[in-house]
C-alpha atoms as a PDB file:
ATOM      1  CA  UNK A   1      65.141  98.041  32.931  1.00  0.00           C
ATOM      2  CA  UNK A   2      66.985  98.267  30.602  1.00  0.00           C
ATOM      3  CA  UNK A   3      70.267  97.016  29.985  1.00  0.00           C
ATOM      4  CA  UNK A   4      71.757 100.369  29.705  1.00  0.00           C
ATOM      5  CA  UNK A   5      70.411 101.583  32.894  1.00  0.00           C
ATOM      6  CA  UNK A   6      71.265  98.164  34.788  1.00  0.00           C
ATOM      7  CA  UNK A   7      75.382  98.439  33.099  1.00  0.00           C
ATOM      8  CA  UNK A   8      75.619 101.928  33.597  1.00  0.00           C
ATOM      9  CA  UNK A   9      76.986 102.531  37.169  1.00  0.00           C
ATOM     10  CA  UNK A  10      79.340  99.916  36.722  1.00  0.00           C
ATOM     11  CA  UNK A  11      80.939 101.342  32.965  1.00  0.00           C
ATOM     12  CA  UNK A  12      83.464 103.844  34.496  1.00  0.00           C
ATOM     13  CA  UNK A  13      85.353 100.977  36.627  1.00  0.00           C
ATOM     14  CA  UNK A  14      85.205  98.250  34.389  1.00  0.00           C
ATOM     15  CA  UNK A  15      86.809 101.005  31.639  1.00  0.00           C
ATOM     16  CA  UNK A  16      89.509 101.674  34.335  1.00  0.00           C
ATOM     17  CA  UNK A  17      89.855  98.034  34.876  1.00  0.00           C
ATOM     18  CA  UNK A  18      90.363  97.709  31.007  1.00  0.00           C
ATOM     19  CA  UNK A  19      92.994 100.703  30.792  1.00  0.00           C
ATOM     20  CA  UNK A  20      94.958  98.941  33.561  1.00  0.00           C
ATOM     21  CA  UNK A  21      95.144  95.261  32.406  1.00  0.00           C
ATOM     22  CA  UNK A  22      95.822  96.762  28.709  1.00  0.00           C
ATOM     23  CA  UNK A  23      98.013  99.676  29.914  1.00  0.00           C
ATOM     24  CA  UNK A  24      96.815 102.002  27.232  1.00  0.00           C
ATOM     25  CA  UNK A  25      93.066 103.697  27.442  1.00  0.00           C
ATOM     26  CA  UNK A  26      92.233 104.225  24.042  1.00  0.00           C
ATOM     27  CA  UNK A  27      93.114  99.652  23.978  1.00  0.00           C
ATOM     28  CA  UNK A  28      90.931  99.068  26.957  1.00  0.00           C
ATOM     29  CA  UNK A  29      88.282 101.180  25.636  1.00  0.00           C
ATOM     30  CA  UNK A  30      87.803  99.326  22.419  1.00  0.00           C
ATOM     31  CA  UNK A  31      87.479  95.673  24.371  1.00  0.00           C
ATOM     32  CA  UNK A  32      84.575  97.785  26.512  1.00  0.00           C
ATOM     33  CA  UNK A  33      83.132  98.887  23.548  1.00  0.00           C
ATOM     34  CA  UNK A  34      83.228  95.246  21.901  1.00  0.00           C
ATOM     35  CA  UNK A  35      81.716  93.730  24.876  1.00  0.00           C
ATOM     36  CA  UNK A  36      78.740  95.981  24.491  1.00  0.00           C
ATOM     37  CA  UNK A  37      77.703  95.640  21.062  1.00  0.00           C
ATOM     38  CA  UNK A  38      78.030  92.129  21.960  1.00  0.00           C
ATOM     39  CA  UNK A  39      75.476  92.086  24.723  1.00  0.00           C
ATOM     40  CA  UNK A  40      73.582  95.567  22.531  1.00  0.00           C
ATOM     41  CA  UNK A  41      73.423  92.229  19.465  1.00  0.00           C
ATOM     42  CA  UNK A  42      72.127  89.424  21.897  1.00  0.00           C
ATOM     43  CA  UNK A  43      75.547  88.010  20.972  1.00  0.00           C
ATOM     44  CA  UNK A  44      76.280  87.718  24.234  1.00  0.00           C
ATOM     45  CA  UNK A  45      74.134  87.934  27.241  1.00  0.00           C
ATOM     46  CA  UNK A  46      74.696  88.812  31.014  1.00  0.00           C
ATOM     47  CA  UNK A  47      74.496  85.308  33.529  1.00  0.00           C
ATOM     48  CA  UNK A  48      71.377  85.870  35.563  1.00  0.00           C
ATOM     49  CA  UNK A  49      73.129  83.676  38.157  1.00  0.00           C
ATOM     50  CA  UNK A  50      75.599  86.813  38.909  1.00  0.00           C
ATOM     51  CA  UNK A  51      75.460  90.221  40.284  1.00  0.00           C
ATOM     52  CA  UNK A  52      75.030  92.256  37.524  1.00  0.00           C
ATOM     53  CA  UNK A  53      78.903  93.720  37.884  1.00  0.00           C
ATOM     54  CA  UNK A  54      80.063  90.512  37.709  1.00  0.00           C
ATOM     55  CA  UNK A  55      78.187  89.355  35.084  1.00  0.00           C
ATOM     56  CA  UNK A  56      79.608  92.490  32.893  1.00  0.00           C
ATOM     57  CA  UNK A  57      83.334  91.950  33.783  1.00  0.00           C
ATOM     58  CA  UNK A  58      82.518  88.391  32.824  1.00  0.00           C
ATOM     59  CA  UNK A  59      81.141  89.125  29.595  1.00  0.00           C
ATOM     60  CA  UNK A  60      84.496  91.576  28.919  1.00  0.00           C
ATOM     61  CA  UNK A  61      86.987  88.516  29.719  1.00  0.00           C
ATOM     62  CA  UNK A  62      84.768  86.480  27.184  1.00  0.00           C
ATOM     63  CA  UNK A  63      85.814  88.976  24.695  1.00  0.00           C
ATOM     64  CA  UNK A  64      89.231  89.495  26.050  1.00  0.00           C
ATOM     65  CA  UNK A  65      90.291  85.564  25.416  1.00  0.00           C
ATOM     66  CA  UNK A  66      88.525  85.122  22.451  1.00  0.00           C
ATOM     67  CA  UNK A  67      90.410  87.707  20.730  1.00  0.00           C
ATOM     68  CA  UNK A  68      93.001  86.296  21.562  1.00  0.00           C
ATOM     69  CA  UNK A  69      94.294  89.625  23.778  1.00  0.00           C
ATOM     70  CA  UNK A  70      97.378  89.604  25.485  1.00  0.00           C
ATOM     71  CA  UNK A  71      99.954  92.127  26.728  1.00  0.00           C
ATOM     72  CA  UNK A  72     102.807  91.213  23.742  1.00  0.00           C
ATOM     73  CA  UNK A  73     106.399  91.551  24.276  1.00  0.00           C
ATOM     74  CA  UNK A  74     108.282  94.508  23.084  1.00  0.00           C
ATOM     75  CA  UNK A  75     109.328  93.843  19.666  1.00  0.00           C
ATOM     76  CA  UNK A  76     112.922  95.429  20.947  1.00  0.00           C
ATOM     77  CA  UNK A  77     115.871  93.965  22.843  1.00  0.00           C
ATOM     78  CA  UNK A  78     114.736  92.291  25.417  1.00  0.00           C
ATOM     79  CA  UNK A  79     114.666  94.535  28.709  1.00  0.00           C
ATOM     80  CA  UNK A  80     114.316  93.851  32.186  1.00  0.00           C
ATOM     81  CA  UNK A  81     110.747  95.521  32.124  1.00  0.00           C
ATOM     82  CA  UNK A  82     109.753  93.178  29.121  1.00  0.00           C
ATOM     83  CA  UNK A  83     111.320  89.903  30.940  1.00  0.00           C
ATOM     84  CA  UNK A  84     109.258  91.288  34.446  1.00  0.00           C
ATOM     85  CA  UNK A  85     105.771  91.529  32.048  1.00  0.00           C
ATOM     86  CA  UNK A  86     106.209  88.284  30.834  1.00  0.00           C
ATOM     87  CA  UNK A  87     106.721  86.497  33.466  1.00  0.00           C
ATOM     88  CA  UNK A  88     103.182  87.364  34.374  1.00  0.00           C
ATOM     89  CA  UNK A  89     101.006  84.916  33.070  1.00  0.00           C
ATOM     90  CA  UNK A  90      97.652  86.875  31.781  1.00  0.00           C
ATOM     91  CA  UNK A  91      95.806  84.827  34.107  1.00  0.00           C
ATOM     92  CA  UNK A  92      97.377  86.143  37.176  1.00  0.00           C
ATOM     93  CA  UNK A  93      97.549  89.332  35.892  1.00  0.00           C
ATOM     94  CA  UNK A  94      93.593  89.098  35.573  1.00  0.00           C
ATOM     95  CA  UNK A  95      93.213  87.836  38.899  1.00  0.00           C
ATOM     96  CA  UNK A  96      95.717  90.433  40.695  1.00  0.00           C
ATOM     97  CA  UNK A  97      93.636  93.222  39.518  1.00  0.00           C
ATOM     98  CA  UNK A  98      90.371  91.747  39.760  1.00  0.00           C
ATOM     99  CA  UNK A  99      90.534  91.402  43.484  1.00  0.00           C
ATOM    100  CA  UNK A 100      93.382  93.828  44.673  1.00  0.00           C
ATOM    101  CA  UNK A 101      92.333  96.621  42.394  1.00  0.00           C
ATOM    102  CA  UNK A 102      88.633  95.931  41.409  1.00  0.00           C
ATOM    103  CA  UNK A 103      87.594  95.028  45.407  1.00  0.00           C
ATOM    104  CA  UNK A 104      86.424  91.541  43.755  1.00  0.00           C
ATOM    105  CA  UNK A 105      86.349  88.636  46.011  1.00  0.00           C
ATOM    106  CA  UNK A 106      88.171  85.642  45.187  1.00  0.00           C
ATOM    107  CA  UNK A 107      84.645  84.013  44.352  1.00  0.00           C
ATOM    108  CA  UNK A 108      83.753  86.917  42.335  1.00  0.00           C
ATOM    109  CA  UNK A 109      87.346  87.122  40.444  1.00  0.00           C
ATOM    110  CA  UNK A 110      86.935  82.913  40.103  1.00  0.00           C
ATOM    111  CA  UNK A 111      83.030  83.724  38.438  1.00  0.00           C
ATOM    112  CA  UNK A 112      84.914  86.436  35.853  1.00  0.00           C
ATOM    113  CA  UNK A 113      87.406  84.010  34.577  1.00  0.00           C
ATOM    114  CA  UNK A 114      85.610  80.951  34.904  1.00  0.00           C
ATOM    115  CA  UNK A 115      88.062  79.516  37.523  1.00  0.00           C
ATOM    116  CA  UNK A 116      87.406  78.161  41.025  1.00  0.00           C
ATOM    117  CA  UNK A 117      88.630  80.439  44.317  1.00  0.00           C
ATOM    118  CA  UNK A 118      91.309  77.974  45.056  1.00  0.00           C
ATOM    119  CA  UNK A 119      93.045  78.410  41.811  1.00  0.00           C
ATOM    120  CA  UNK A 120      92.211  82.012  41.544  1.00  0.00           C
ATOM    121  CA  UNK A 121      94.234  82.575  44.870  1.00  0.00           C
ATOM    122  CA  UNK A 122      97.215  80.823  43.669  1.00  0.00           C
ATOM    123  CA  UNK A 123      96.951  83.003  40.631  1.00  0.00           C
ATOM    124  CA  UNK A 124      97.313  86.404  42.994  1.00  0.00           C
ATOM    125  CA  UNK A 125     100.087  85.215  44.708  1.00  0.00           C
ATOM    126  CA  UNK A 126     101.823  84.477  41.842  1.00  0.00           C
ATOM    127  CA  UNK A 127     101.531  87.801  40.223  1.00  0.00           C
ATOM    128  CA  UNK A 128     102.299  90.043  43.333  1.00  0.00           C
ATOM    129  CA  UNK A 129     105.717  88.020  43.711  1.00  0.00           C
ATOM    130  CA  UNK A 130     106.468  88.881  40.014  1.00  0.00           C
ATOM    131  CA  UNK A 131     105.266  92.525  40.572  1.00  0.00           C
ATOM    132  CA  UNK A 132     107.452  92.476  44.008  1.00  0.00           C
ATOM    133  CA  UNK A 133     110.379  92.499  41.692  1.00  0.00           C
ATOM    134  CA  UNK A 134     109.921  96.139  40.508  1.00  0.00           C
ATOM    135  CA  UNK A 135     112.405  98.261  41.294  1.00  0.00           C
ATOM    136  CA  UNK A 136     112.185 100.920  44.471  1.00  0.00           C
ATOM    137  CA  UNK A 137     111.622 104.989  43.161  1.00  0.00           C
ATOM    138  CA  UNK A 138     110.848 108.194  44.487  1.00  0.00           C
ATOM    139  CA  UNK A 139     107.399 109.161  45.232  1.00  0.00           C
ATOM    140  CA  UNK A 140     105.590 112.468  45.631  1.00  0.00           C
ATOM    141  CA  UNK A 141     102.316 112.522  47.825  1.00  0.00           C
ATOM    142  CA  UNK A 142      99.758 115.396  47.008  1.00  0.00           C
ATOM    143  CA  UNK A 143      97.511 115.037  50.357  1.00  0.00           C
ATOM    144  CA  UNK A 144      95.993 117.867  52.265  1.00  0.00           C
ATOM    145  CA  UNK A 145      95.310 114.983  55.271  1.00  0.00           C
ATOM    146  CA  UNK A 146      97.793 114.528  57.615  1.00  0.00           C
ATOM    147  CA  UNK A 147      96.616 111.138  58.708  1.00  0.00           C
ATOM    148  CA  UNK A 148      95.952 109.953  55.498  1.00  0.00           C
ATOM    149  CA  UNK A 149      99.251 111.266  53.901  1.00  0.00           C
ATOM    150  CA  UNK A 150     101.066 109.187  56.881  1.00  0.00           C
ATOM    151  CA  UNK A 151      99.054 106.104  55.805  1.00  0.00           C
ATOM    152  CA  UNK A 152      99.946 106.371  52.281  1.00  0.00           C
ATOM    153  CA  UNK A 153     103.540 107.364  53.128  1.00  0.00           C
ATOM    154  CA  UNK A 154     103.606 103.930  55.279  1.00  0.00           C
ATOM    155  CA  UNK A 155     102.369 101.792  52.230  1.00  0.00           C
ATOM    156  CA  UNK A 156     104.629 103.315  50.436  1.00  0.00           C
ATOM    157  CA  UNK A 157     107.673 102.568  52.133  1.00  0.00           C
ATOM    158  CA  UNK A 158     106.351  98.631  53.144  1.00  0.00           C
ATOM    159  CA  UNK A 159     106.624  98.301  49.268  1.00  0.00           C
ATOM    160  CA  UNK A 160     110.350  99.421  49.331  1.00  0.00           C
ATOM    161  CA  UNK A 161     110.206 102.840  47.552  1.00  0.00           C
ATOM    162  CA  UNK A 162     111.226 106.353  49.118  1.00  0.00           C
ATOM    163  CA  UNK A 163     109.108 109.077  49.877  1.00  0.00           C
ATOM    164  CA  UNK A 164     110.735 111.818  48.516  1.00  0.00           C
ATOM    165  CA  UNK A 165     108.099 114.504  49.000  1.00  0.00           C
ATOM    166  CA  UNK A 166     105.131 115.463  50.461  1.00  0.00           C
ATOM    167  CA  UNK A 167     102.666 118.234  49.376  1.00  0.00           C
ATOM    168  CA  UNK A 168      99.133 119.660  50.574  1.00  0.00           C
ATOM    169  CA  UNK A 169      99.053 122.422  47.751  1.00  0.00           C
ATOM    170  CA  UNK A 170      98.959 122.852  44.104  1.00  0.00           C
ATOM    171  CA  UNK A 171     102.027 125.027  44.703  1.00  0.00           C
ATOM    172  CA  UNK A 172     104.012 122.868  46.802  1.00  0.00           C
ATOM    173  CA  UNK A 173     103.319 119.869  44.799  1.00  0.00           C
ATOM    174  CA  UNK A 174     104.957 121.984  41.921  1.00  0.00           C
ATOM    175  CA  UNK A 175     108.137 123.528  44.581  1.00  0.00           C
ATOM    176  CA  UNK A 176     108.300 119.481  45.503  1.00  0.00           C
ATOM    177  CA  UNK A 177     108.674 118.377  41.776  1.00  0.00           C
ATOM    178  CA  UNK A 178     111.175 121.431  41.038  1.00  0.00           C
ATOM    179  CA  UNK A 179     113.619 120.108  43.972  1.00  0.00           C
ATOM    180  CA  UNK A 180     113.725 116.597  43.231  1.00  0.00           C
ATOM    181  CA  UNK A 181     111.595 114.661  40.050  1.00  0.00           C
ATOM    182  CA  UNK A 182     109.660 111.574  41.547  1.00  0.00           C
ATOM    183  CA  UNK A 183     109.227 108.284  39.969  1.00  0.00           C
ATOM    184  CA  UNK A 184     105.452 107.930  40.960  1.00  0.00           C
ATOM    185  CA  UNK A 185     103.358 110.862  41.969  1.00  0.00           C
ATOM    186  CA  UNK A 186      99.876 109.654  44.441  1.00  0.00           C
ATOM    187  CA  UNK A 187      97.959 112.731  44.542  1.00  0.00           C
ATOM    188  CA  UNK A 188      94.112 113.325  45.702  1.00  0.00           C
ATOM    189  CA  UNK A 189      91.911 115.818  43.825  1.00  0.00           C
ATOM    190  CA  UNK A 190      90.579 118.370  46.692  1.00  0.00           C
ATOM    191  CA  UNK A 191      93.556 120.152  48.359  1.00  0.00           C
ATOM    192  CA  UNK A 192      94.083 122.036  51.174  1.00  0.00           C
ATOM    193  CA  UNK A 193      94.127 125.809  49.781  1.00  0.00           C
ATOM    194  CA  UNK A 194      91.128 124.847  47.566  1.00  0.00           C
ATOM    195  CA  UNK A 195      93.240 124.128  44.782  1.00  0.00           C
ATOM    196  CA  UNK A 196      93.246 121.377  42.335  1.00  0.00           C
ATOM    197  CA  UNK A 197      95.279 117.824  42.495  1.00  0.00           C
ATOM    198  CA  UNK A 198      94.390 117.764  39.171  1.00  0.00           C
ATOM    199  CA  UNK A 199      95.762 120.810  38.279  1.00  0.00           C
ATOM    200  CA  UNK A 200      99.073 119.893  39.895  1.00  0.00           C
ATOM    201  CA  UNK A 201      99.587 116.585  38.266  1.00  0.00           C
ATOM    202  CA  UNK A 202      99.093 118.123  34.904  1.00  0.00           C
ATOM    203  CA  UNK A 203     101.538 120.899  35.610  1.00  0.00           C
ATOM    204  CA  UNK A 204     103.920 117.761  36.964  1.00  0.00           C
ATOM    205  CA  UNK A 205     103.365 115.829  33.827  1.00  0.00           C
ATOM    206  CA  UNK A 206     104.043 119.234  31.620  1.00  0.00           C
ATOM    207  CA  UNK A 207     107.652 118.387  32.966  1.00  0.00           C
ATOM    208  CA  UNK A 208     108.149 114.342  33.499  1.00  0.00           C
ATOM    209  CA  UNK A 209     106.285 111.544  31.953  1.00  0.00           C
ATOM    210  CA  UNK A 210     105.650 109.610  35.319  1.00  0.00           C
ATOM    211  CA  UNK A 211     103.411 107.179  36.544  1.00  0.00           C
ATOM    212  CA  UNK A 212     100.118 108.820  38.715  1.00  0.00           C
ATOM    213  CA  UNK A 213      97.639 107.395  41.120  1.00  0.00           C
ATOM    214  CA  UNK A 214      94.827 109.173  42.043  1.00  0.00           C
ATOM    215  CA  UNK A 215      93.815 108.616  45.484  1.00  0.00           C
ATOM    216  CA  UNK A 216      90.036 110.462  46.235  1.00  0.00           C
ATOM    217  CA  UNK A 217      86.728 110.530  47.626  1.00  0.00           C
ATOM    218  CA  UNK A 218      85.623 112.490  44.405  1.00  0.00           C
ATOM    219  CA  UNK A 219      85.896 109.608  41.559  1.00  0.00           C
ATOM    220  CA  UNK A 220      83.215 111.480  39.128  1.00  0.00           C
ATOM    221  CA  UNK A 221      85.854 114.529  38.896  1.00  0.00           C
ATOM    222  CA  UNK A 222      87.898 112.042  37.292  1.00  0.00           C
ATOM    223  CA  UNK A 223      85.838 109.257  35.060  1.00  0.00           C
ATOM    224  CA  UNK A 224      84.127 111.564  32.499  1.00  0.00           C
ATOM    225  CA  UNK A 225      85.029 110.401  29.806  1.00  0.00           C
ATOM    226  CA  UNK A 226      85.109 113.836  28.466  1.00  0.00           C
ATOM    227  CA  UNK A 227      89.355 113.642  28.712  1.00  0.00           C
ATOM    228  CA  UNK A 228      92.328 111.067  29.264  1.00  0.00           C
ATOM    229  CA  UNK A 229      91.513 109.941  32.301  1.00  0.00           C
ATOM    230  CA  UNK A 230      94.022 107.979  35.074  1.00  0.00           C
ATOM    231  CA  UNK A 231      94.696 104.414  34.799  1.00  0.00           C
ATOM    232  CA  UNK A 232      94.962 104.481  38.609  1.00  0.00           C
ATOM    233  CA  UNK A 233      91.868 105.860  40.337  1.00  0.00           C
ATOM    234  CA  UNK A 234      91.647 104.753  44.047  1.00  0.00           C
ATOM    235  CA  UNK A 235      88.380 105.788  45.790  1.00  0.00           C
ATOM    236  CA  UNK A 236      88.817 107.026  49.674  1.00  0.00           C
ATOM    237  CA  UNK A 237      88.200 105.100  52.206  1.00  0.00           C
ATOM    238  CA  UNK A 238      90.538 102.986  50.781  1.00  0.00           C
ATOM    239  CA  UNK A 239      92.005  99.366  51.421  1.00  0.00           C
ATOM    240  CA  UNK A 240      95.745  98.852  52.187  1.00  0.00           C
ATOM    241  CA  UNK A 241      96.092  95.968  49.293  1.00  0.00           C
ATOM    242  CA  UNK A 242      94.066  98.437  47.181  1.00  0.00           C
ATOM    243  CA  UNK A 243      96.646 100.935  47.324  1.00  0.00           C
ATOM    244  CA  UNK A 244      99.868  98.475  47.226  1.00  0.00           C
ATOM    245  CA  UNK A 245      98.373  96.922  43.803  1.00  0.00           C
ATOM    246  CA  UNK A 246      98.476 100.146  42.034  1.00  0.00           C
ATOM    247  CA  UNK A 247     101.588 101.248  42.791  1.00  0.00           C
ATOM    248  CA  UNK A 248     102.889  98.175  41.982  1.00  0.00           C
ATOM    249  CA  UNK A 249     100.853  98.467  38.447  1.00  0.00           C
ATOM    250  CA  UNK A 250     101.540 101.674  37.915  1.00  0.00           C
ATOM    251  CA  UNK A 251     105.020 101.286  37.924  1.00  0.00           C
ATOM    252  CA  UNK A 252     105.287  98.365  35.986  1.00  0.00           C
ATOM    253  CA  UNK A 253     103.406  99.051  33.227  1.00  0.00           C
ATOM    254  CA  UNK A 254     104.309 102.753  32.397  1.00  0.00           C
ATOM    255  CA  UNK A 255     106.166 103.179  29.727  1.00  0.00           C
ATOM    256  CA  UNK A 256     109.090 105.686  31.310  1.00  0.00           C
ATOM    257  CA  UNK A 257     109.926 103.190  33.290  1.00  0.00           C
ATOM    258  CA  UNK A 258     110.350 100.000  30.695  1.00  0.00           C
ATOM    259  CA  UNK A 259     112.676 102.390  29.008  1.00  0.00           C
ATOM    260  CA  UNK A 260     114.318 103.532  32.202  1.00  0.00           C
ATOM    261  CA  UNK A 261     114.968  99.806  32.969  1.00  0.00           C
ATOM    262  CA  UNK A 262     116.252  99.465  28.792  1.00  0.00           C
END
């Protein structure tokens, strides 16, 4: 089996992770591209002691660390957002994303990062403590299944945020935004009346620059590489910890939130 065939199923997800890590799709994709080029040229190899997915992320991190990649401090007057960002060390941020967003076990994350599992657990706790300090915001939930919507609402409230609107269709979502501007949108793709959550989000983003997390059973409809893709995409059925992690990260890294905190 060719290298591309072995890695193809994992590429959309390592790209998602790279975008979440860097806070930017183009930057994240560039590091993924460099990692793939290094593999193709024989400059890096997939470790035979790891699964292909773990090995791919391991190579990505080798490229990331050797290029000195970090999330640099904002080159302006220090703000609350930039201070929060700087409090999270690169290793802690990586460990948190690998386990909470990407679903790796602490042992797998340790392989990826070249650390031991106990150290990774400490890094995750450190990152979570910092991220939990994020300011509360108003949340719009776009979800047509009542039980799932209630579960998401409960998770949102546990994090200290306010659910100021719920919608089951495109039109309800647009109406909800007209009544109250949200600070975060959690959206399904396929809605009750056959309308599209993707279209609803597009219409919302025409009015407001707001972070969006898609929670869907159809991730392939977004991870196509043919259009700007969401940084945060969660596949149903989801783990509560994954949703919580994505909410914290989406608010933490979104540029508009950083400007508001200035």
